Amino acid sequence: MNLALWIAAGLLAAVALTGGITKTFVPKEKLAAAHGGGWTGDVGVAFVKTLGVLELLAAVGLILPAALDIAPVLMPVTAVCWILLMVGAMITHGRRGESELVVLNLIYLALATFIAWGCFGTGSFTG
């Protein structure tokens, strides 16, 4: 179970890191022109950058607490926060008719749910 949790957390952290870097450092106009980034044209720059920073924090929160054994409860809490983020993403992409992105967000939500269940439930997340 631990190996599966580490793999899921690593995959989700990579997704969060990639999305966070993109939203934080790529200009909003370039994001809006990219596939799946059209929603950024409907919101302010500060909102996009805030989401980017939150995704960067999620990447850290999915790995470091358990890896360093410092406040390991932050890892499943981060997974729950990611679940909420993915619900918002699915609503946003659903309203825009981007069903393939809703499915992708659902996969990310499932990974986060597995992590939260594995850490809060029967599993553990230790080295």
C-alpha atoms as a PDB file:
ATOM      1  CA  MET A   1       0.000   0.000   0.000  1.00  0.00           C
ATOM      2  CA  ASN A   2       2.806   2.414   0.831  1.00  0.00           C
ATOM      3  CA  LEU A   3       4.379   1.996  -2.607  1.00  0.00           C
ATOM      4  CA  ALA A   4       1.062   2.695  -4.323  1.00  0.00           C
ATOM      5  CA  LEU A   5       0.564   5.807  -2.195  1.00  0.00           C
ATOM      6  CA  TRP A   6       4.081   7.040  -2.999  1.00  0.00           C
ATOM      7  CA  ILE A   7       3.501   6.487  -6.713  1.00  0.00           C
ATOM      8  CA  ALA A   8       0.124   8.262  -6.649  1.00  0.00           C
ATOM      9  CA  ALA A   9       1.551  11.155  -4.627  1.00  0.00           C
ATOM     10  CA  GLY A  10       4.530  11.442  -6.970  1.00  0.00           C
ATOM     11  CA  LEU A  11       2.333  11.498 -10.067  1.00  0.00           C
ATOM     12  CA  LEU A  12      -0.025  14.055  -8.579  1.00  0.00           C
ATOM     13  CA  ALA A  13       2.876  16.185  -7.327  1.00  0.00           C
ATOM     14  CA  ALA A  14       4.331  16.192 -10.855  1.00  0.00           C
ATOM     15  CA  VAL A  15       0.979  17.338 -12.235  1.00  0.00           C
ATOM     16  CA  ALA A  16       0.717  20.046  -9.573  1.00  0.00           C
ATOM     17  CA  LEU A  17       4.293  21.201 -10.169  1.00  0.00           C
ATOM     18  CA  THR A  18       3.802  21.418 -13.926  1.00  0.00           C
ATOM     19  CA  GLY A  19       0.496  23.261 -13.623  1.00  0.00           C
ATOM     20  CA  GLY A  20       1.831  25.519 -10.899  1.00  0.00           C
ATOM     21  CA  ILE A  21       4.910  26.556 -12.865  1.00  0.00           C
ATOM     22  CA  THR A  22       2.820  27.152 -15.964  1.00  0.00           C
ATOM     23  CA  LYS A  23       0.143  29.238 -14.233  1.00  0.00           C
ATOM     24  CA  THR A  24       2.656  31.181 -12.152  1.00  0.00           C
ATOM     25  CA  PHE A  25       5.224  32.034 -14.815  1.00  0.00           C
ATOM     26  CA  VAL A  26       3.572  31.866 -18.258  1.00  0.00           C
ATOM     27  CA  PRO A  27       1.749  35.063 -19.319  1.00  0.00           C
ATOM     28  CA  LYS A  28      -2.023  34.813 -19.105  1.00  0.00           C
ATOM     29  CA  GLU A  29      -2.452  35.642 -22.797  1.00  0.00           C
ATOM     30  CA  LYS A  30      -0.260  32.698 -23.778  1.00  0.00           C
ATOM     31  CA  LEU A  31      -2.178  30.406 -21.399  1.00  0.00           C
ATOM     32  CA  ALA A  32      -5.503  31.538 -22.860  1.00  0.00           C
ATOM     33  CA  ALA A  33      -4.307  30.613 -26.360  1.00  0.00           C
ATOM     34  CA  ALA A  34      -3.212  27.112 -25.317  1.00  0.00           C
ATOM     35  CA  HIS A  35      -5.470  24.042 -25.472  1.00  0.00           C
ATOM     36  CA  GLY A  36      -7.381  23.815 -22.190  1.00  0.00           C
ATOM     37  CA  GLY A  37      -6.315  27.273 -21.086  1.00  0.00           C
ATOM     38  CA  GLY A  38      -9.214  29.231 -22.541  1.00  0.00           C
ATOM     39  CA  TRP A  39     -10.732  29.638 -19.092  1.00  0.00           C
ATOM     40  CA  THR A  40      -7.874  31.974 -18.158  1.00  0.00           C
ATOM     41  CA  GLY A  41      -9.301  34.561 -20.542  1.00  0.00           C
ATOM     42  CA  ASP A  42     -12.383  34.784 -18.322  1.00  0.00           C
ATOM     43  CA  VAL A  43     -10.520  35.528 -15.065  1.00  0.00           C
ATOM     44  CA  GLY A  44      -7.966  37.996 -13.783  1.00  0.00           C
ATOM     45  CA  VAL A  45      -4.216  37.566 -13.812  1.00  0.00           C
ATOM     46  CA  ALA A  46      -4.110  37.508 -10.001  1.00  0.00           C
ATOM     47  CA  PHE A  47      -6.531  34.571  -9.907  1.00  0.00           C
ATOM     48  CA  VAL A  48      -4.446  32.549 -12.368  1.00  0.00           C
ATOM     49  CA  LYS A  49      -1.210  33.319 -10.500  1.00  0.00           C
ATOM     50  CA  THR A  50      -2.855  32.445  -7.159  1.00  0.00           C
ATOM     51  CA  LEU A  51      -3.946  29.075  -8.539  1.00  0.00           C
ATOM     52  CA  GLY A  52      -0.405  28.547  -9.782  1.00  0.00           C
ATOM     53  CA  VAL A  53       1.106  29.248  -6.377  1.00  0.00           C
ATOM     54  CA  LEU A  54      -1.460  26.963  -4.722  1.00  0.00           C
ATOM     55  CA  GLU A  55      -0.515  24.188  -7.146  1.00  0.00           C
ATOM     56  CA  LEU A  56       3.174  24.700  -6.343  1.00  0.00           C
ATOM     57  CA  LEU A  57       2.344  24.428  -2.645  1.00  0.00           C
ATOM     58  CA  ALA A  58       0.314  21.287  -3.372  1.00  0.00           C
ATOM     59  CA  ALA A  59       3.322  19.710  -5.096  1.00  0.00           C
ATOM     60  CA  VAL A  60       5.366  20.348  -1.964  1.00  0.00           C
ATOM     61  CA  GLY A  61       2.563  19.281   0.380  1.00  0.00           C
ATOM     62  CA  LEU A  62       2.049  15.972  -1.385  1.00  0.00           C
ATOM     63  CA  ILE A  63       5.652  14.846  -0.911  1.00  0.00           C
ATOM     64  CA  LEU A  64       7.694  16.667   1.724  1.00  0.00           C
ATOM     65  CA  PRO A  65       5.597  16.144   4.890  1.00  0.00           C
ATOM     66  CA  ALA A  66       5.662  12.362   4.519  1.00  0.00           C
ATOM     67  CA  ALA A  67       9.193  12.196   3.124  1.00  0.00           C
ATOM     68  CA  LEU A  68      10.636  14.291   5.956  1.00  0.00           C
ATOM     69  CA  ASP A  69       8.222  12.967   8.602  1.00  0.00           C
ATOM     70  CA  ILE A  70       7.417  16.541   9.616  1.00  0.00           C
ATOM     71  CA  ALA A  71       3.675  17.074  10.130  1.00  0.00           C
ATOM     72  CA  PRO A  72       2.783  14.143   7.836  1.00  0.00           C
ATOM     73  CA  VAL A  73      -0.925  14.936   8.259  1.00  0.00           C
ATOM     74  CA  LEU A  74      -0.367  17.801   5.819  1.00  0.00           C
ATOM     75  CA  MET A  75      -0.036  15.315   2.962  1.00  0.00           C
ATOM     76  CA  PRO A  76      -3.594  13.930   3.088  1.00  0.00           C
ATOM     77  CA  VAL A  77      -4.908  17.414   3.895  1.00  0.00           C
ATOM     78  CA  THR A  78      -3.223  18.594   0.691  1.00  0.00           C
ATOM     79  CA  ALA A  79      -4.878  15.709  -1.168  1.00  0.00           C
ATOM     80  CA  VAL A  80      -8.297  16.808   0.127  1.00  0.00           C
ATOM     81  CA  CYS A  81      -7.571  20.379  -1.000  1.00  0.00           C
ATOM     82  CA  TRP A  82      -6.606  18.992  -4.424  1.00  0.00           C
ATOM     83  CA  ILE A  83      -9.961  17.180  -4.559  1.00  0.00           C
ATOM     84  CA  LEU A  84     -11.728  20.508  -4.028  1.00  0.00           C
ATOM     85  CA  LEU A  85      -9.565  22.143  -6.693  1.00  0.00           C
ATOM     86  CA  MET A  86     -10.424  19.390  -9.170  1.00  0.00           C
ATOM     87  CA  VAL A  87     -14.152  19.750  -8.491  1.00  0.00           C
ATOM     88  CA  GLY A  88     -13.811  23.425  -9.402  1.00  0.00           C
ATOM     89  CA  ALA A  89     -11.759  22.555 -12.475  1.00  0.00           C
ATOM     90  CA  MET A  90     -14.355  20.002 -13.615  1.00  0.00           C
ATOM     91  CA  ILE A  91     -17.147  22.548 -13.214  1.00  0.00           C
ATOM     92  CA  THR A  92     -15.163  25.161 -15.146  1.00  0.00           C
ATOM     93  CA  HIS A  93     -14.232  22.830 -17.998  1.00  0.00           C
ATOM     94  CA  GLY A  94     -17.721  21.322 -18.038  1.00  0.00           C
ATOM     95  CA  ARG A  95     -19.306  24.734 -18.503  1.00  0.00           C
ATOM     96  CA  ARG A  96     -16.922  25.360 -21.388  1.00  0.00           C
ATOM     97  CA  GLY A  97     -17.797  22.032 -23.039  1.00  0.00           C
ATOM     98  CA  GLU A  98     -14.260  20.651 -22.599  1.00  0.00           C
ATOM     99  CA  SER A  99     -15.261  17.098 -21.727  1.00  0.00           C
ATOM    100  CA  GLU A 100     -11.789  15.623 -22.316  1.00  0.00           C
ATOM    101  CA  LEU A 101     -10.405  17.955 -19.634  1.00  0.00           C
ATOM    102  CA  VAL A 102     -13.226  17.019 -17.256  1.00  0.00           C
ATOM    103  CA  VAL A 103     -12.158  13.379 -17.632  1.00  0.00           C
ATOM    104  CA  LEU A 104      -8.521  14.310 -16.990  1.00  0.00           C
ATOM    105  CA  ASN A 105      -9.535  16.264 -13.884  1.00  0.00           C
ATOM    106  CA  LEU A 106     -11.567  13.254 -12.750  1.00  0.00           C
ATOM    107  CA  ILE A 107      -8.436  11.100 -12.983  1.00  0.00           C
ATOM    108  CA  TYR A 108      -6.506  13.614 -10.868  1.00  0.00           C
ATOM    109  CA  LEU A 109      -9.398  13.700  -8.408  1.00  0.00           C
ATOM    110  CA  ALA A 110      -9.322   9.890  -8.171  1.00  0.00           C
ATOM    111  CA  LEU A 111      -5.574   9.943  -7.420  1.00  0.00           C
ATOM    112  CA  ALA A 112      -6.086  12.541  -4.700  1.00  0.00           C
ATOM    113  CA  THR A 113      -8.986  10.560  -3.245  1.00  0.00           C
ATOM    114  CA  PHE A 114      -6.811   7.439  -3.128  1.00  0.00           C
ATOM    115  CA  ILE A 115      -4.083   9.380  -1.312  1.00  0.00           C
ATOM    116  CA  ALA A 116      -6.489  10.899   1.200  1.00  0.00           C
ATOM    117  CA  TRP A 117      -8.178   7.536   1.808  1.00  0.00           C
ATOM    118  CA  GLY A 118      -4.855   5.753   2.113  1.00  0.00           C
ATOM    119  CA  CYS A 119      -3.536   8.215   4.669  1.00  0.00           C
ATOM    120  CA  PHE A 120      -6.665   9.004   6.665  1.00  0.00           C
ATOM    121  CA  GLY A 121      -8.069   5.503   6.281  1.00  0.00           C
ATOM    122  CA  THR A 122      -6.457   2.125   6.607  1.00  0.00           C
ATOM    123  CA  GLY A 123      -3.101   2.876   5.014  1.00  0.00           C
ATOM    124  CA  SER A 124      -0.090   4.769   6.180  1.00  0.00           C
ATOM    125  CA  PHE A 125       2.306   7.003   4.348  1.00  0.00           C
ATOM    126  CA  THR A 126       5.703   6.533   5.857  1.00  0.00           C
ATOM    127  CA  GLY A 127       9.111   5.844   4.402  1.00  0.00           C
END
